[in-house]
């Protein structure tokens, strides 16, 4: 199992170290497709722009699972998610909204 921490989220935690910190959101993402998941973006519901790619240089192959930490210092649970697959994939970019505090795990399917 891989662990990825968003660089923007890490910076947010460092910058708010003197303030009361929110709990990091930790959940497991599984790629239940037959394509390589190349980019994964999250953003709190209501925010107009996507945060940076959570994967960075990493990818998530078919059937692989990764434990993700969103350490953005926010106290929200509802996040929009955007999944992008390798260019030669038959899959389109997919978006979804979930309560990541209650979810615990998420599997992307074809």
N, C-alpha and C. Protein backbone atom coordinates (compact mmCIF):
# COMPACT_ATOMS: atom_id res chain seq x y z
N UNK A 1 0.84 -1.18 0.00
CA UNK A 1 0.00 0.00 0.00
C UNK A 1 0.88 1.24 0.00
N UNK A 2 0.54 2.21 -0.83
CA UNK A 2 1.29 3.46 -0.93
C UNK A 2 0.67 4.50 -0.02
N UNK A 3 1.44 5.48 0.39
CA UNK A 3 0.92 6.62 1.15
C UNK A 3 1.38 7.89 0.47
N UNK A 4 0.43 8.78 0.18
CA UNK A 4 0.74 10.03 -0.49
C UNK A 4 0.16 11.17 0.34
N UNK A 5 0.95 12.21 0.52
CA UNK A 5 0.47 13.40 1.23
C UNK A 5 0.54 14.56 0.26
N UNK A 6 -0.52 15.31 0.13
CA UNK A 6 -0.57 16.47 -0.75
C UNK A 6 0.43 17.51 -0.26
N UNK A 7 1.28 18.00 -1.18
CA UNK A 7 2.26 19.01 -0.82
C UNK A 7 1.59 20.29 -0.36
N UNK A 8 0.52 20.68 -1.01
CA UNK A 8 -0.21 21.88 -0.59
C UNK A 8 -0.80 21.66 0.79
N UNK A 9 -1.31 20.48 1.02
CA UNK A 9 -1.87 20.17 2.33
C UNK A 9 -0.81 20.20 3.41
N UNK A 10 0.36 19.66 3.10
CA UNK A 10 1.46 19.66 4.07
C UNK A 10 1.88 21.09 4.39
N UNK A 11 1.97 21.92 3.37
CA UNK A 11 2.31 23.32 3.58
C UNK A 11 1.25 24.01 4.43
N UNK A 12 -0.01 23.70 4.19
CA UNK A 12 -1.08 24.30 4.98
C UNK A 12 -0.96 23.93 6.45
N UNK A 13 -0.58 22.69 6.73
CA UNK A 13 -0.41 22.26 8.11
C UNK A 13 0.76 22.98 8.76
N UNK A 14 1.84 23.12 8.03
CA UNK A 14 3.02 23.80 8.56
C UNK A 14 2.70 25.26 8.85
N UNK A 15 1.99 25.92 7.94
CA UNK A 15 1.68 27.34 8.10
C UNK A 15 0.68 27.59 9.23
N UNK A 16 -0.09 26.60 9.61
CA UNK A 16 -1.08 26.79 10.67
C UNK A 16 -0.67 26.08 11.95
N UNK A 17 0.61 25.81 12.11
CA UNK A 17 1.05 25.04 13.27
C UNK A 17 0.79 25.74 14.59
N UNK A 18 0.70 27.06 14.59
CA UNK A 18 0.43 27.77 15.83
C UNK A 18 -1.07 27.88 16.11
N UNK A 19 -1.88 27.69 15.10
CA UNK A 19 -3.34 27.75 15.28
C UNK A 19 -3.86 26.35 15.61
N UNK A 20 -5.09 26.29 16.06
CA UNK A 20 -5.71 24.99 16.33
C UNK A 20 -5.82 24.24 15.00
N UNK A 21 -5.33 23.01 14.99
CA UNK A 21 -5.31 22.26 13.74
C UNK A 21 -6.50 21.33 13.64
N UNK A 22 -7.03 21.23 12.42
CA UNK A 22 -8.08 20.28 12.14
C UNK A 22 -7.44 18.91 11.95
N UNK A 23 -8.24 17.87 12.14
CA UNK A 23 -7.74 16.53 11.91
C UNK A 23 -7.54 16.30 10.43
N UNK A 24 -6.47 15.61 10.06
CA UNK A 24 -6.25 15.26 8.67
C UNK A 24 -7.30 14.24 8.24
N UNK A 25 -7.70 14.33 6.98
CA UNK A 25 -8.61 13.34 6.41
C UNK A 25 -7.77 12.21 5.84
N UNK A 26 -7.99 11.00 6.30
CA UNK A 26 -7.26 9.85 5.82
C UNK A 26 -8.27 8.86 5.26
N UNK A 27 -8.05 8.43 4.02
CA UNK A 27 -8.94 7.43 3.42
C UNK A 27 -8.15 6.59 2.43
N UNK A 28 -8.72 5.46 2.08
CA UNK A 28 -8.08 4.53 1.15
C UNK A 28 -8.75 4.64 -0.20
N UNK A 29 -7.94 4.80 -1.25
CA UNK A 29 -8.43 4.88 -2.62
C UNK A 29 -8.00 3.63 -3.36
N UNK A 30 -8.95 2.96 -4.01
CA UNK A 30 -8.66 1.77 -4.80
C UNK A 30 -9.02 2.04 -6.25
N UNK A 31 -8.12 1.67 -7.15
CA UNK A 31 -8.38 1.78 -8.58
C UNK A 31 -9.01 0.47 -9.03
N UNK A 32 -10.33 0.45 -9.15
CA UNK A 32 -11.06 -0.74 -9.59
C UNK A 32 -11.27 -0.79 -11.08
N UNK A 33 -10.48 -0.01 -11.84
CA UNK A 33 -10.61 0.00 -13.30
C UNK A 33 -9.48 -0.83 -13.91
N UNK A 34 -9.51 -0.94 -15.24
CA UNK A 34 -8.43 -1.62 -15.96
C UNK A 34 -7.43 -0.63 -16.54
N UNK A 35 -7.49 0.62 -16.10
CA UNK A 35 -6.62 1.68 -16.62
C UNK A 35 -5.80 2.29 -15.48
N UNK A 36 -4.68 2.89 -15.85
CA UNK A 36 -3.82 3.56 -14.88
C UNK A 36 -4.43 4.92 -14.55
N UNK A 37 -4.62 5.18 -13.26
CA UNK A 37 -5.10 6.46 -12.77
C UNK A 37 -3.87 7.36 -12.63
N UNK A 38 -3.80 8.40 -13.44
CA UNK A 38 -2.58 9.23 -13.49
C UNK A 38 -2.67 10.48 -12.62
N UNK A 39 -3.87 11.02 -12.45
CA UNK A 39 -4.03 12.23 -11.64
C UNK A 39 -5.28 12.13 -10.78
N UNK A 40 -5.16 12.65 -9.56
CA UNK A 40 -6.29 12.67 -8.64
C UNK A 40 -6.30 14.02 -7.94
N UNK A 41 -7.39 14.74 -8.13
CA UNK A 41 -7.54 16.07 -7.54
C UNK A 41 -8.68 16.06 -6.53
N UNK A 42 -8.54 16.83 -5.48
CA UNK A 42 -9.62 17.04 -4.53
C UNK A 42 -9.76 18.53 -4.28
N UNK A 43 -10.95 18.90 -3.88
CA UNK A 43 -11.21 20.28 -3.51
C UNK A 43 -12.46 20.29 -2.66
N UNK A 44 -12.49 21.06 -1.59
CA UNK A 44 -13.71 21.13 -0.78
C UNK A 44 -14.89 21.58 -1.64
N UNK A 45 -16.05 21.03 -1.40
CA UNK A 45 -17.26 21.44 -2.11
C UNK A 45 -17.42 22.96 -1.96
N UNK A 46 -17.73 23.62 -3.06
CA UNK A 46 -17.91 25.07 -3.04
C UNK A 46 -16.68 25.85 -3.44
N UNK A 47 -15.52 25.20 -3.53
CA UNK A 47 -14.30 25.86 -3.99
C UNK A 47 -14.25 25.70 -5.51
N UNK A 48 -14.05 26.78 -6.23
CA UNK A 48 -14.16 26.76 -7.69
C UNK A 48 -12.98 26.13 -8.42
N UNK A 49 -11.82 26.05 -7.79
CA UNK A 49 -10.62 25.52 -8.45
C UNK A 49 -10.20 24.21 -7.80
N UNK A 50 -9.59 23.34 -8.61
CA UNK A 50 -9.04 22.09 -8.07
C UNK A 50 -7.73 22.38 -7.36
N UNK A 51 -7.50 21.70 -6.24
CA UNK A 51 -6.20 21.75 -5.57
C UNK A 51 -5.20 21.02 -6.48
N UNK A 52 -3.93 21.00 -6.11
CA UNK A 52 -2.94 20.34 -6.97
C UNK A 52 -3.14 18.83 -6.97
N UNK A 53 -2.57 18.16 -7.96
CA UNK A 53 -2.66 16.71 -8.11
C UNK A 53 -2.12 16.02 -6.86
N UNK A 54 -2.95 15.23 -6.20
CA UNK A 54 -2.56 14.55 -4.97
C UNK A 54 -1.44 13.53 -5.24
N UNK A 55 -1.45 12.91 -6.41
CA UNK A 55 -0.46 11.88 -6.73
C UNK A 55 0.93 12.44 -6.99
N UNK A 56 1.02 13.68 -7.45
CA UNK A 56 2.33 14.20 -7.83
C UNK A 56 2.89 13.40 -8.98
N UNK A 57 4.04 12.77 -8.78
CA UNK A 57 4.66 11.96 -9.83
C UNK A 57 4.17 10.51 -9.83
N UNK A 58 3.45 10.12 -8.81
CA UNK A 58 2.97 8.74 -8.69
C UNK A 58 1.72 8.52 -9.53
N UNK A 59 1.41 7.26 -9.78
CA UNK A 59 0.18 6.85 -10.44
C UNK A 59 -0.40 5.68 -9.65
N UNK A 60 -1.63 5.33 -9.95
CA UNK A 60 -2.28 4.19 -9.29
C UNK A 60 -2.73 3.22 -10.37
N UNK A 61 -2.06 2.08 -10.43
CA UNK A 61 -2.36 1.08 -11.44
C UNK A 61 -3.65 0.34 -11.17
N UNK A 62 -4.14 -0.40 -12.16
CA UNK A 62 -5.35 -1.18 -12.00
C UNK A 62 -5.24 -2.13 -10.80
N UNK A 63 -6.25 -2.11 -9.93
CA UNK A 63 -6.27 -2.98 -8.76
C UNK A 63 -5.43 -2.51 -7.59
N UNK A 64 -4.67 -1.45 -7.75
CA UNK A 64 -3.83 -0.96 -6.66
C UNK A 64 -4.64 -0.11 -5.68
N UNK A 65 -4.13 -0.05 -4.45
CA UNK A 65 -4.75 0.70 -3.38
C UNK A 65 -3.71 1.62 -2.76
N UNK A 66 -4.14 2.79 -2.35
CA UNK A 66 -3.25 3.76 -1.71
C UNK A 66 -3.99 4.41 -0.55
N UNK A 67 -3.28 4.66 0.53
CA UNK A 67 -3.85 5.41 1.65
C UNK A 67 -3.48 6.87 1.43
N UNK A 68 -4.49 7.73 1.37
CA UNK A 68 -4.28 9.15 1.11
C UNK A 68 -4.57 9.98 2.35
N UNK A 69 -3.81 11.03 2.50
CA UNK A 69 -4.02 11.98 3.59
C UNK A 69 -4.23 13.36 2.99
N UNK A 70 -5.35 13.98 3.32
CA UNK A 70 -5.59 15.35 2.92
C UNK A 70 -5.36 16.19 4.17
N UNK A 71 -4.22 16.83 4.20
CA UNK A 71 -3.81 17.62 5.37
C UNK A 71 -3.85 19.10 5.00
N UNK A 72 -5.05 19.58 4.68
CA UNK A 72 -5.18 20.95 4.22
C UNK A 72 -5.59 21.93 5.31
N UNK A 73 -5.73 21.45 6.54
CA UNK A 73 -6.05 22.32 7.66
C UNK A 73 -7.51 22.75 7.71
N UNK A 74 -8.32 22.27 6.77
CA UNK A 74 -9.73 22.64 6.77
C UNK A 74 -10.51 21.72 7.70
N UNK A 75 -11.68 22.18 8.08
CA UNK A 75 -12.54 21.38 8.95
C UNK A 75 -13.77 20.89 8.20
N UNK A 76 -13.67 20.74 6.89
CA UNK A 76 -14.78 20.27 6.07
C UNK A 76 -14.62 18.79 5.75
N UNK A 77 -15.72 18.15 5.42
CA UNK A 77 -15.70 16.73 5.08
C UNK A 77 -16.12 16.46 3.64
N UNK A 78 -16.95 17.35 3.08
CA UNK A 78 -17.45 17.16 1.72
C UNK A 78 -16.41 17.65 0.71
N UNK A 79 -15.91 16.72 -0.11
CA UNK A 79 -14.90 17.05 -1.11
C UNK A 79 -15.36 16.60 -2.49
N UNK A 80 -15.06 17.45 -3.49
CA UNK A 80 -15.19 17.06 -4.88
C UNK A 80 -13.91 16.33 -5.24
N UNK A 81 -14.04 15.31 -6.08
CA UNK A 81 -12.87 14.53 -6.52
C UNK A 81 -12.88 14.44 -8.04
N UNK A 82 -11.68 14.49 -8.61
CA UNK A 82 -11.53 14.38 -10.06
C UNK A 82 -10.46 13.33 -10.35
N UNK A 83 -10.82 12.37 -11.20
CA UNK A 83 -9.95 11.26 -11.55
C UNK A 83 -9.60 11.34 -13.03
N UNK A 84 -8.30 11.34 -13.35
CA UNK A 84 -7.85 11.37 -14.74
C UNK A 84 -7.02 10.12 -15.02
N UNK A 85 -7.27 9.52 -16.18
CA UNK A 85 -6.62 8.27 -16.55
C UNK A 85 -5.59 8.48 -17.66
N UNK A 86 -4.72 7.48 -17.86
CA UNK A 86 -3.70 7.58 -18.88
C UNK A 86 -4.32 7.90 -20.23
N UNK A 87 -3.56 8.57 -21.09
CA UNK A 87 -4.07 9.07 -22.36
C UNK A 87 -4.66 7.99 -23.26
N UNK A 88 -4.08 6.79 -23.29
CA UNK A 88 -4.58 5.75 -24.19
C UNK A 88 -5.72 4.92 -23.57
N UNK A 89 -6.24 5.37 -22.45
CA UNK A 89 -7.34 4.69 -21.78
C UNK A 89 -8.66 4.97 -22.50
N UNK A 90 -9.59 4.04 -22.38
CA UNK A 90 -10.94 4.24 -22.92
C UNK A 90 -11.81 5.04 -21.94
N UNK A 91 -11.28 5.31 -20.74
CA UNK A 91 -12.07 5.97 -19.70
C UNK A 91 -11.96 7.49 -19.78
N UNK A 92 -13.08 8.14 -19.56
CA UNK A 92 -13.12 9.60 -19.52
C UNK A 92 -12.76 10.08 -18.12
N UNK A 93 -12.39 11.34 -18.02
CA UNK A 93 -12.20 11.96 -16.72
C UNK A 93 -13.50 11.83 -15.94
N UNK A 94 -13.39 11.46 -14.67
CA UNK A 94 -14.56 11.21 -13.83
C UNK A 94 -14.52 12.15 -12.63
N UNK A 95 -15.67 12.67 -12.25
CA UNK A 95 -15.77 13.51 -11.06
C UNK A 95 -16.85 12.97 -10.14
N UNK A 96 -16.66 13.16 -8.84
CA UNK A 96 -17.61 12.69 -7.84
C UNK A 96 -17.49 13.58 -6.61
N UNK A 97 -18.49 13.56 -5.76
CA UNK A 97 -18.48 14.29 -4.49
C UNK A 97 -18.81 13.31 -3.39
N UNK A 98 -18.01 13.32 -2.32
CA UNK A 98 -18.21 12.40 -1.21
C UNK A 98 -17.88 13.08 0.12
N UNK A 99 -18.45 12.55 1.19
CA UNK A 99 -18.09 12.94 2.55
C UNK A 99 -16.91 12.06 2.95
N UNK A 100 -15.71 12.59 2.88
CA UNK A 100 -14.51 11.80 3.13
C UNK A 100 -14.31 11.47 4.60
N UNK A 101 -14.95 12.22 5.49
CA UNK A 101 -14.85 11.91 6.92
C UNK A 101 -15.57 10.60 7.24
N UNK A 102 -16.72 10.39 6.60
CA UNK A 102 -17.51 9.18 6.86
C UNK A 102 -17.10 8.01 5.97
N UNK A 103 -16.52 8.31 4.83
CA UNK A 103 -16.28 7.30 3.80
C UNK A 103 -15.28 6.25 4.21
N UNK A 104 -14.08 6.65 4.58
CA UNK A 104 -13.04 5.69 4.96
C UNK A 104 -12.32 5.05 3.80
N UNK A 105 -13.06 4.69 2.74
CA UNK A 105 -12.44 4.14 1.53
C UNK A 105 -13.31 4.46 0.33
N UNK A 106 -12.67 4.50 -0.84
CA UNK A 106 -13.37 4.81 -2.07
C UNK A 106 -12.75 3.97 -3.18
N UNK A 107 -13.59 3.34 -3.99
CA UNK A 107 -13.13 2.58 -5.14
C UNK A 107 -13.69 3.21 -6.40
N UNK A 108 -12.80 3.58 -7.32
CA UNK A 108 -13.23 4.10 -8.61
C UNK A 108 -13.45 2.92 -9.54
N UNK A 109 -14.62 2.88 -10.18
CA UNK A 109 -14.99 1.79 -11.11
C UNK A 109 -15.16 2.34 -12.51
N UNK A 110 -15.12 1.44 -13.48
CA UNK A 110 -15.37 1.84 -14.88
C UNK A 110 -16.83 2.09 -15.08
